[in-house]
PDB file of all heavy atoms in Angstrom:
ATOM      1  N   ILE A   1     -15.627   7.722 -26.770  1.00  0.00           N
ATOM      2  CA  ILE A   1     -16.840   8.439 -27.189  1.00  0.00           C
ATOM      3  C   ILE A   1     -17.510   9.086 -25.981  1.00  0.00           C
ATOM      4  O   ILE A   1     -17.940  10.230 -26.028  1.00  0.00           O
ATOM      5  CB  ILE A   1     -17.815   7.455 -27.886  1.00  0.00           C
ATOM      6  CG1 ILE A   1     -17.171   6.948 -29.172  1.00  0.00           C
ATOM      7  CG2 ILE A   1     -19.149   8.103 -28.190  1.00  0.00           C
ATOM      8  CD1 ILE A   1     -17.667   5.647 -29.676  1.00  0.00           C
ATOM      9  N   GLU A   2     -17.548   8.350 -24.873  1.00  0.00           N
ATOM     10  CA  GLU A   2     -18.205   8.878 -23.668  1.00  0.00           C
ATOM     11  C   GLU A   2     -17.475  10.080 -23.083  1.00  0.00           C
ATOM     12  O   GLU A   2     -18.063  10.876 -22.361  1.00  0.00           O
ATOM     13  CB  GLU A   2     -18.314   7.775 -22.605  1.00  0.00           C
ATOM     14  CG  GLU A   2     -19.243   6.648 -23.034  1.00  0.00           C
ATOM     15  CD  GLU A   2     -19.428   5.613 -21.946  1.00  0.00           C
ATOM     16  OE1 GLU A   2     -19.649   6.017 -20.800  1.00  0.00           O
ATOM     17  OE2 GLU A   2     -19.351   4.413 -22.254  1.00  0.00           O
ATOM     18  N   LEU A   3     -16.181  10.202 -23.404  1.00  0.00           N
ATOM     19  CA  LEU A   3     -15.388  11.291 -22.816  1.00  0.00           C
ATOM     20  C   LEU A   3     -15.337  12.541 -23.701  1.00  0.00           C
ATOM     21  O   LEU A   3     -14.664  13.502 -23.366  1.00  0.00           O
ATOM     22  CB  LEU A   3     -13.959  10.803 -22.543  1.00  0.00           C
ATOM     23  CG  LEU A   3     -13.841   9.754 -21.430  1.00  0.00           C
ATOM     24  CD1 LEU A   3     -12.444   9.167 -21.389  1.00  0.00           C
ATOM     25  CD2 LEU A   3     -14.206  10.347 -20.070  1.00  0.00           C
ATOM     26  N   ILE A   4     -16.038  12.511 -24.825  1.00  0.00           N
ATOM     27  CA  ILE A   4     -16.054  13.701 -25.693  1.00  0.00           C
ATOM     28  C   ILE A   4     -16.589  14.884 -24.887  1.00  0.00           C
ATOM     29  O   ILE A   4     -17.640  14.808 -24.251  1.00  0.00           O
ATOM     30  CB  ILE A   4     -16.930  13.455 -26.955  1.00  0.00           C
ATOM     31  CG1 ILE A   4     -16.221  12.471 -27.888  1.00  0.00           C
ATOM     32  CG2 ILE A   4     -17.229  14.759 -27.686  1.00  0.00           C
ATOM     33  CD1 ILE A   4     -17.057  11.983 -29.052  1.00  0.00           C
ATOM     34  N   GLY A   5     -15.835  15.968 -24.910  1.00  0.00           N
ATOM     35  CA  GLY A   5     -16.267  17.175 -24.200  1.00  0.00           C
ATOM     36  C   GLY A   5     -15.863  17.218 -22.737  1.00  0.00           C
ATOM     37  O   GLY A   5     -16.063  18.234 -22.068  1.00  0.00           O
ATOM     38  N   VAL A   6     -15.291  16.135 -22.233  1.00  0.00           N
ATOM     39  CA  VAL A   6     -14.851  16.124 -20.830  1.00  0.00           C
ATOM     40  C   VAL A   6     -13.525  16.884 -20.723  1.00  0.00           C
ATOM     41  O   VAL A   6     -12.599  16.667 -21.502  1.00  0.00           O
ATOM     42  CB  VAL A   6     -14.673  14.674 -20.318  1.00  0.00           C
ATOM     43  CG1 VAL A   6     -14.022  14.658 -18.941  1.00  0.00           C
ATOM     44  CG2 VAL A   6     -16.016  13.962 -20.285  1.00  0.00           C
ATOM     45  N   GLU A   7     -13.462  17.778 -19.762  1.00  0.00           N
ATOM     46  CA  GLU A   7     -12.253  18.598 -19.595  1.00  0.00           C
ATOM     47  C   GLU A   7     -11.088  17.741 -19.070  1.00  0.00           C
ATOM     48  O   GLU A   7     -11.275  16.858 -18.235  1.00  0.00           O
ATOM     49  CB  GLU A   7     -12.554  19.718 -18.584  1.00  0.00           C
ATOM     50  CG  GLU A   7     -11.651  20.924 -18.760  1.00  0.00           C
ATOM     51  CD  GLU A   7     -12.096  22.075 -17.868  1.00  0.00           C
ATOM     52  OE1 GLU A   7     -13.302  22.404 -17.862  1.00  0.00           O
ATOM     53  OE2 GLU A   7     -11.230  22.621 -17.182  1.00  0.00           O
ATOM     54  N   ASP A   8      -9.901  18.016 -19.586  1.00  0.00           N
ATOM     55  CA  ASP A   8      -8.678  17.318 -19.144  1.00  0.00           C
ATOM     56  C   ASP A   8      -8.785  15.794 -19.245  1.00  0.00           C
ATOM     57  O   ASP A   8      -8.233  15.050 -18.425  1.00  0.00           O
ATOM     58  CB  ASP A   8      -8.329  17.697 -17.684  1.00  0.00           C
ATOM     59  CG  ASP A   8      -7.768  19.114 -17.600  1.00  0.00           C
ATOM     60  OD1 ASP A   8      -7.332  19.638 -18.639  1.00  0.00           O
ATOM     61  OD2 ASP A   8      -7.787  19.680 -16.501  1.00  0.00           O
ATOM     62  N   LYS A   9      -9.487  15.313 -20.269  1.00  0.00           N
ATOM     63  CA  LYS A   9      -9.673  13.853 -20.387  1.00  0.00           C
ATOM     64  C   LYS A   9      -8.367  13.124 -20.672  1.00  0.00           C
ATOM     65  O   LYS A   9      -8.261  11.929 -20.432  1.00  0.00           O
ATOM     66  CB  LYS A   9     -10.710  13.519 -21.460  1.00  0.00           C
ATOM     67  CG  LYS A   9     -10.393  13.992 -22.867  1.00  0.00           C
ATOM     68  CD  LYS A   9     -11.508  13.536 -23.820  1.00  0.00           C
ATOM     69  CE  LYS A   9     -11.270  14.018 -25.247  1.00  0.00           C
ATOM     70  NZ  LYS A   9     -11.568  15.451 -25.407  1.00  0.00           N
ATOM     71  N   GLU A  10      -7.343  13.865 -21.143  1.00  0.00           N
ATOM     72  CA  GLU A  10      -6.034  13.231 -21.394  1.00  0.00           C
ATOM     73  C   GLU A  10      -5.324  12.860 -20.091  1.00  0.00           C
ATOM     74  O   GLU A  10      -4.354  12.108 -20.114  1.00  0.00           O
ATOM     75  CB  GLU A  10      -5.113  14.181 -22.179  1.00  0.00           C
ATOM     76  CG  GLU A  10      -5.627  14.595 -23.533  1.00  0.00           C
ATOM     77  CD  GLU A  10      -6.522  15.837 -23.464  1.00  0.00           C
ATOM     78  OE1 GLU A  10      -6.787  16.342 -22.360  1.00  0.00           O
ATOM     79  OE2 GLU A  10      -6.960  16.295 -24.533  1.00  0.00           O
ATOM     80  N   PHE A  11      -5.795  13.395 -18.961  1.00  0.00           N
ATOM     81  CA  PHE A  11      -5.075  13.219 -17.685  1.00  0.00           C
ATOM     82  C   PHE A  11      -5.842  12.397 -16.651  1.00  0.00           C
ATOM     83  O   PHE A  11      -5.473  12.374 -15.486  1.00  0.00           O
ATOM     84  CB  PHE A  11      -4.747  14.595 -17.087  1.00  0.00           C
ATOM     85  CG  PHE A  11      -3.888  15.446 -17.975  1.00  0.00           C
ATOM     86  CD1 PHE A  11      -4.421  16.522 -18.662  1.00  0.00           C
ATOM     87  CD2 PHE A  11      -2.534  15.157 -18.140  1.00  0.00           C
ATOM     88  CE1 PHE A  11      -3.625  17.304 -19.488  1.00  0.00           C
ATOM     89  CE2 PHE A  11      -1.727  15.935 -18.958  1.00  0.00           C
ATOM     90  CZ  PHE A  11      -2.278  17.001 -19.637  1.00  0.00           C
ATOM     91  N   ILE A  12      -6.914  11.731 -17.076  1.00  0.00           N
ATOM     92  CA  ILE A  12      -7.760  11.007 -16.103  1.00  0.00           C
ATOM     93  C   ILE A  12      -6.949   9.956 -15.342  1.00  0.00           C
ATOM     94  O   ILE A  12      -6.989   9.879 -14.115  1.00  0.00           O
ATOM     95  CB  ILE A  12      -8.968  10.344 -16.812  1.00  0.00           C
ATOM     96  CG1 ILE A  12      -9.905  11.431 -17.359  1.00  0.00           C
ATOM     97  CG2 ILE A  12      -9.718   9.416 -15.841  1.00  0.00           C
ATOM     98  CD1 ILE A  12     -11.003  10.914 -18.269  1.00  0.00           C
ATOM     99  N   ILE A  13      -6.203   9.142 -16.084  1.00  0.00           N
ATOM    100  CA  ILE A  13      -5.445   8.062 -15.438  1.00  0.00           C
ATOM    101  C   ILE A  13      -4.295   8.640 -14.605  1.00  0.00           C
ATOM    102  O   ILE A  13      -4.046   8.205 -13.487  1.00  0.00           O
ATOM    103  CB  ILE A  13      -4.925   7.050 -16.479  1.00  0.00           C
ATOM    104  CG1 ILE A  13      -6.104   6.397 -17.204  1.00  0.00           C
ATOM    105  CG2 ILE A  13      -4.053   5.973 -15.820  1.00  0.00           C
ATOM    106  CD1 ILE A  13      -7.089   5.665 -16.325  1.00  0.00           C
ATOM    107  N   ARG A  14      -3.622   9.639 -15.153  1.00  0.00           N
ATOM    108  CA  ARG A  14      -2.511  10.245 -14.397  1.00  0.00           C
ATOM    109  C   ARG A  14      -2.988  10.768 -13.043  1.00  0.00           C
ATOM    110  O   ARG A  14      -2.360  10.521 -12.003  1.00  0.00           O
ATOM    111  CB  ARG A  14      -1.877  11.393 -15.193  1.00  0.00           C
ATOM    112  CG  ARG A  14      -0.643  11.950 -14.495  1.00  0.00           C
ATOM    113  CD  ARG A  14      -0.021  13.106 -15.225  1.00  0.00           C
ATOM    114  NE  ARG A  14      -0.717  14.355 -14.945  1.00  0.00           N
ATOM    115  CZ  ARG A  14      -0.309  15.539 -15.387  1.00  0.00           C
ATOM    116  NH1 ARG A  14       0.762  15.639 -16.144  1.00  0.00           N
ATOM    117  NH2 ARG A  14      -0.973  16.632 -15.096  1.00  0.00           N
ATOM    118  N   ASN A  15      -4.103  11.477 -13.060  1.00  0.00           N
ATOM    119  CA  ASN A  15      -4.613  12.050 -11.809  1.00  0.00           C
ATOM    120  C   ASN A  15      -5.002  10.964 -10.812  1.00  0.00           C
ATOM    121  O   ASN A  15      -4.810  11.118  -9.603  1.00  0.00           O
ATOM    122  CB  ASN A  15      -5.806  12.975 -12.097  1.00  0.00           C
ATOM    123  CG  ASN A  15      -5.380  14.214 -12.893  1.00  0.00           C
ATOM    124  OD1 ASN A  15      -4.196  14.571 -12.894  1.00  0.00           O
ATOM    125  ND2 ASN A  15      -6.321  14.843 -13.580  1.00  0.00           N
ATOM    126  N   ALA A  16      -5.542   9.857 -11.337  1.00  0.00           N
ATOM    127  CA  ALA A  16      -5.942   8.753 -10.448  1.00  0.00           C
ATOM    128  C   ALA A  16      -4.715   8.046  -9.874  1.00  0.00           C
ATOM    129  O   ALA A  16      -4.668   7.719  -8.677  1.00  0.00           O
ATOM    130  CB  ALA A  16      -6.811   7.762 -11.222  1.00  0.00           C
ATOM    131  N   ILE A  17      -3.721   7.812 -10.719  1.00  0.00           N
ATOM    132  CA  ILE A  17      -2.548   7.028 -10.309  1.00  0.00           C
ATOM    133  C   ILE A  17      -1.655   7.806  -9.338  1.00  0.00           C
ATOM    134  O   ILE A  17      -0.979   7.220  -8.492  1.00  0.00           O
ATOM    135  CB  ILE A  17      -1.747   6.561 -11.554  1.00  0.00           C
ATOM    136  CG1 ILE A  17      -2.593   5.590 -12.386  1.00  0.00           C
ATOM    137  CG2 ILE A  17      -0.421   5.911 -11.170  1.00  0.00           C
ATOM    138  CD1 ILE A  17      -3.117   4.388 -11.642  1.00  0.00           C
ATOM    139  N   GLN A  18      -1.667   9.140  -9.436  1.00  0.00           N
ATOM    140  CA  GLN A  18      -0.846   9.959  -8.524  1.00  0.00           C
ATOM    141  C   GLN A  18      -1.108   9.608  -7.066  1.00  0.00           C
ATOM    142  O   GLN A  18      -0.209   9.654  -6.228  1.00  0.00           O
ATOM    143  CB  GLN A  18      -1.133  11.458  -8.744  1.00  0.00           C
ATOM    144  CG  GLN A  18      -0.571  12.039 -10.027  1.00  0.00           C
ATOM    145  CD  GLN A  18       0.950  11.994 -10.111  1.00  0.00           C
ATOM    146  OE1 GLN A  18       1.633  11.576  -9.178  1.00  0.00           O
ATOM    147  NE2 GLN A  18       1.509  12.391 -11.244  1.00  0.00           N
ATOM    148  N   LYS A  19      -2.359   9.235  -6.767  1.00  0.00           N
ATOM    149  CA  LYS A  19      -2.733   8.959  -5.370  1.00  0.00           C
ATOM    150  C   LYS A  19      -2.036   7.712  -4.817  1.00  0.00           C
ATOM    151  O   LYS A  19      -1.865   7.580  -3.614  1.00  0.00           O
ATOM    152  CB  LYS A  19      -4.252   8.751  -5.264  1.00  0.00           C
ATOM    153  CG  LYS A  19      -5.095   9.937  -5.701  1.00  0.00           C
ATOM    154  CD  LYS A  19      -6.569   9.540  -5.669  1.00  0.00           C
ATOM    155  CE  LYS A  19      -7.425  10.602  -6.370  1.00  0.00           C
ATOM    156  NZ  LYS A  19      -8.803  10.127  -6.558  1.00  0.00           N
ATOM    157  N   ILE A  20      -1.711   6.769  -5.709  1.00  0.00           N
ATOM    158  CA  ILE A  20      -1.169   5.488  -5.229  1.00  0.00           C
ATOM    159  C   ILE A  20       0.246   5.216  -5.738  1.00  0.00           C
ATOM    160  O   ILE A  20       0.848   4.193  -5.425  1.00  0.00           O
ATOM    161  CB  ILE A  20      -2.088   4.306  -5.638  1.00  0.00           C
ATOM    162  CG1 ILE A  20      -2.259   4.249  -7.160  1.00  0.00           C
ATOM    163  CG2 ILE A  20      -3.436   4.399  -4.938  1.00  0.00           C
ATOM    164  CD1 ILE A  20      -2.915   2.970  -7.656  1.00  0.00           C
ATOM    165  N   ARG A  21       0.790   6.158  -6.490  1.00  0.00           N
ATOM    166  CA  ARG A  21       2.081   5.938  -7.143  1.00  0.00           C
ATOM    167  C   ARG A  21       3.184   5.557  -6.149  1.00  0.00           C
ATOM    168  O   ARG A  21       4.023   4.701  -6.429  1.00  0.00           O
ATOM    169  CB  ARG A  21       2.471   7.212  -7.905  1.00  0.00           C
ATOM    170  CG  ARG A  21       3.790   7.109  -8.613  1.00  0.00           C
ATOM    171  CD  ARG A  21       4.070   8.322  -9.470  1.00  0.00           C
ATOM    172  NE  ARG A  21       5.312   8.113 -10.201  1.00  0.00           N
ATOM    173  CZ  ARG A  21       5.678   8.825 -11.251  1.00  0.00           C
ATOM    174  NH1 ARG A  21       4.900   9.786 -11.703  1.00  0.00           N
ATOM    175  NH2 ARG A  21       6.820   8.581 -11.856  1.00  0.00           N
ATOM    176  N   ASP A  22       3.178   6.190  -5.000  1.00  0.00           N
ATOM    177  CA  ASP A  22       4.246   5.948  -4.021  1.00  0.00           C
ATOM    178  C   ASP A  22       4.199   4.542  -3.401  1.00  0.00           C
ATOM    179  O   ASP A  22       5.122   4.139  -2.709  1.00  0.00           O
ATOM    180  CB  ASP A  22       4.193   7.001  -2.902  1.00  0.00           C
ATOM    181  CG  ASP A  22       4.618   8.374  -3.413  1.00  0.00           C
ATOM    182  OD1 ASP A  22       5.169   8.440  -4.526  1.00  0.00           O
ATOM    183  OD2 ASP A  22       4.383   9.372  -2.713  1.00  0.00           O
ATOM    184  N   ASN A  23       3.111   3.816  -3.647  1.00  0.00           N
ATOM    185  CA  ASN A  23       2.999   2.455  -3.105  1.00  0.00           C
ATOM    186  C   ASN A  23       3.774   1.428  -3.933  1.00  0.00           C
ATOM    187  O   ASN A  23       3.867   0.271  -3.535  1.00  0.00           O
ATOM    188  CB  ASN A  23       1.526   2.004  -3.069  1.00  0.00           C
ATOM    189  CG  ASN A  23       0.661   2.927  -2.226  1.00  0.00           C
ATOM    190  OD1 ASN A  23       1.185   3.712  -1.444  1.00  0.00           O
ATOM    191  ND2 ASN A  23      -0.643   2.851  -2.382  1.00  0.00           N
ATOM    192  N   TYR A  24       4.287   1.855  -5.086  1.00  0.00           N
ATOM    193  CA  TYR A  24       4.887   0.889  -6.022  1.00  0.00           C
ATOM    194  C   TYR A  24       6.294   1.299  -6.454  1.00  0.00           C
ATOM    195  O   TYR A  24       6.624   2.486  -6.498  1.00  0.00           O
ATOM    196  CB  TYR A  24       4.000   0.763  -7.278  1.00  0.00           C
ATOM    197  CG  TYR A  24       2.631   0.244  -6.956  1.00  0.00           C
ATOM    198  CD1 TYR A  24       1.561   1.114  -6.784  1.00  0.00           C
ATOM    199  CD2 TYR A  24       2.406  -1.120  -6.775  1.00  0.00           C
ATOM    200  CE1 TYR A  24       0.301   0.653  -6.444  1.00  0.00           C
ATOM    201  CE2 TYR A  24       1.158  -1.596  -6.435  1.00  0.00           C
ATOM    202  CZ  TYR A  24       0.105  -0.711  -6.269  1.00  0.00           C
ATOM    203  OH  TYR A  24      -1.137  -1.183  -5.927  1.00  0.00           O
ATOM    204  N   ASP A  25       7.099   0.281  -6.792  1.00  0.00           N
ATOM    205  CA  ASP A  25       8.407   0.534  -7.411  1.00  0.00           C
ATOM    206  C   ASP A  25       8.253   0.725  -8.914  1.00  0.00           C
ATOM    207  O   ASP A  25       8.938   1.553  -9.517  1.00  0.00           O
ATOM    208  CB  ASP A  25       9.359  -0.646  -7.149  1.00  0.00           C
ATOM    209  CG  ASP A  25       9.601  -0.852  -5.662  1.00  0.00           C
ATOM    210  OD1 ASP A  25       9.987   0.126  -4.995  1.00  0.00           O
ATOM    211  OD2 ASP A  25       9.388  -1.977  -5.167  1.00  0.00           O
ATOM    212  N   TYR A  26       7.354  -0.067  -9.500  1.00  0.00           N
ATOM    213  CA  TYR A  26       7.123   0.010 -10.954  1.00  0.00           C
ATOM    214  C   TYR A  26       5.636  -0.064 -11.253  1.00  0.00           C
ATOM    215  O   TYR A  26       4.907  -0.839 -10.623  1.00  0.00           O
ATOM    216  CB  TYR A  26       7.814  -1.158 -11.694  1.00  0.00           C
ATOM    217  CG  TYR A  26       9.312  -1.030 -11.698  1.00  0.00           C
ATOM    218  CD1 TYR A  26      10.072  -1.623 -10.696  1.00  0.00           C
ATOM    219  CD2 TYR A  26       9.972  -0.283 -12.680  1.00  0.00           C
ATOM    220  CE1 TYR A  26      11.444  -1.484 -10.663  1.00  0.00           C
ATOM    221  CE2 TYR A  26      11.341  -0.144 -12.648  1.00  0.00           C
ATOM    222  CZ  TYR A  26      12.078  -0.739 -11.652  1.00  0.00           C
ATOM    223  OH  TYR A  26      13.423  -0.584 -11.631  1.00  0.00           O
ATOM    224  N   ILE A  27       5.223   0.759 -12.213  1.00  0.00           N
ATOM    225  CA  ILE A  27       3.861   0.685 -12.735  1.00  0.00           C
ATOM    226  C   ILE A  27       3.991   0.451 -14.236  1.00  0.00           C
ATOM    227  O   ILE A  27       4.617   1.248 -14.944  1.00  0.00           O
ATOM    228  CB  ILE A  27       3.064   1.974 -12.429  1.00  0.00           C
ATOM    229  CG1 ILE A  27       2.951   2.158 -10.905  1.00  0.00           C
ATOM    230  CG2 ILE A  27       1.686   1.925 -13.081  1.00  0.00           C
ATOM    231  CD1 ILE A  27       2.318   3.469 -10.466  1.00  0.00           C
ATOM    232  N   ILE A  28       3.453  -0.682 -14.706  1.00  0.00           N
ATOM    233  CA  ILE A  28       3.573  -1.060 -16.113  1.00  0.00           C
ATOM    234  C   ILE A  28       2.194  -0.942 -16.757  1.00  0.00           C
ATOM    235  O   ILE A  28       1.223  -1.532 -16.275  1.00  0.00           O
ATOM    236  CB  ILE A  28       4.093  -2.513 -16.264  1.00  0.00           C
ATOM    237  CG1 ILE A  28       5.393  -2.721 -15.467  1.00  0.00           C
ATOM    238  CG2 ILE A  28       4.246  -2.888 -17.741  1.00  0.00           C
ATOM    239  CD1 ILE A  28       6.608  -2.026 -16.009  1.00  0.00           C
ATOM    240  N   ILE A  29       2.103  -0.168 -17.840  1.00  0.00           N
ATOM    241  CA  ILE A  29       0.811   0.041 -18.511  1.00  0.00           C
ATOM    242  C   ILE A  29       0.835  -0.634 -19.881  1.00  0.00           C
ATOM    243  O   ILE A  29       1.698  -0.347 -20.712  1.00  0.00           O
ATOM    244  CB  ILE A  29       0.520   1.551 -18.705  1.00  0.00           C
ATOM    245  CG1 ILE A  29       0.668   2.319 -17.380  1.00  0.00           C
ATOM    246  CG2 ILE A  29      -0.875   1.753 -19.292  1.00  0.00           C
ATOM    247  CD1 ILE A  29       0.514   3.836 -17.516  1.00  0.00           C
ATOM    248  N   ASP A  30      -0.138  -1.514 -20.116  1.00  0.00           N
ATOM    249  CA  ASP A  30      -0.291  -2.123 -21.441  1.00  0.00           C
ATOM    250  C   ASP A  30      -1.238  -1.262 -22.264  1.00  0.00           C
ATOM    251  O   ASP A  30      -2.409  -1.119 -21.923  1.00  0.00           O
ATOM    252  CB  ASP A  30      -0.845  -3.556 -21.298  1.00  0.00           C
ATOM    253  CG  ASP A  30      -0.855  -4.287 -22.638  1.00  0.00           C
ATOM    254  OD1 ASP A  30      -0.017  -3.960 -23.495  1.00  0.00           O
ATOM    255  OD2 ASP A  30      -1.692  -5.191 -22.821  1.00  0.00           O
ATOM    256  N   CYS A  31      -0.712  -0.665 -23.344  1.00  0.00           N
ATOM    257  CA  CYS A  31      -1.518   0.222 -24.190  1.00  0.00           C
ATOM    258  C   CYS A  31      -2.252  -0.568 -25.269  1.00  0.00           C
ATOM    259  O   CYS A  31      -1.805  -1.640 -25.668  1.00  0.00           O
ATOM    260  CB  CYS A  31      -0.615   1.242 -24.878  1.00  0.00           C
ATOM    261  SG  CYS A  31       0.267   2.325 -23.748  1.00  0.00           S
ATOM    262  N   PRO A  32      -3.354  -0.017 -25.791  1.00  0.00           N
ATOM    263  CA  PRO A  32      -4.007  -0.664 -26.933  1.00  0.00           C
ATOM    264  C   PRO A  32      -3.142  -0.527 -28.188  1.00  0.00           C
ATOM    265  O   PRO A  32      -2.280   0.365 -28.247  1.00  0.00           O
ATOM    266  CB  PRO A  32      -5.318   0.118 -27.086  1.00  0.00           C
ATOM    267  CG  PRO A  32      -5.096   1.415 -26.396  1.00  0.00           C
ATOM    268  CD  PRO A  32      -4.067   1.184 -25.341  1.00  0.00           C
ATOM    269  N   PRO A  33      -3.355  -1.402 -29.198  1.00  0.00           N
ATOM    270  CA  PRO A  33      -2.523  -1.327 -30.407  1.00  0.00           C
ATOM    271  C   PRO A  33      -2.998  -0.246 -31.375  1.00  0.00           C
ATOM    272  O   PRO A  33      -3.204  -0.494 -32.563  1.00  0.00           O
ATOM    273  CB  PRO A  33      -2.687  -2.731 -31.013  1.00  0.00           C
ATOM    274  CG  PRO A  33      -4.023  -3.172 -30.545  1.00  0.00           C
ATOM    275  CD  PRO A  33      -4.266  -2.550 -29.202  1.00  0.00           C
ATOM    276  N   SER A  34      -3.200   0.959 -30.868  1.00  0.00           N
ATOM    277  CA  SER A  34      -3.579   2.093 -31.717  1.00  0.00           C
ATOM    278  C   SER A  34      -3.238   3.366 -30.961  1.00  0.00           C
ATOM    279  O   SER A  34      -3.101   3.356 -29.737  1.00  0.00           O
ATOM    280  CB  SER A  34      -5.081   2.055 -32.024  1.00  0.00           C
ATOM    281  OG  SER A  34      -5.818   2.020 -30.824  1.00  0.00           O
ATOM    282  N   LEU A  35      -3.107   4.456 -31.706  1.00  0.00           N
ATOM    283  CA  LEU A  35      -2.753   5.730 -31.057  1.00  0.00           C
ATOM    284  C   LEU A  35      -4.035   6.520 -30.822  1.00  0.00           C
ATOM    285  O   LEU A  35      -4.404   7.394 -31.594  1.00  0.00           O
ATOM    286  CB  LEU A  35      -1.765   6.504 -31.940  1.00  0.00           C
ATOM    287  CG  LEU A  35      -0.436   5.775 -32.179  1.00  0.00           C
ATOM    288  CD1 LEU A  35       0.442   6.564 -33.140  1.00  0.00           C
ATOM    289  CD2 LEU A  35       0.308   5.538 -30.877  1.00  0.00           C
TER     290      LEU A  35
END
């Protein structure tokens, strides 16, 4: 709800994780049980 109207809100986590991605062999994301 708080992100309504925020530009590129689908990419918030991707943009954040790009900065640290090279520090890891695997990144495992637990998603909520809904789409």
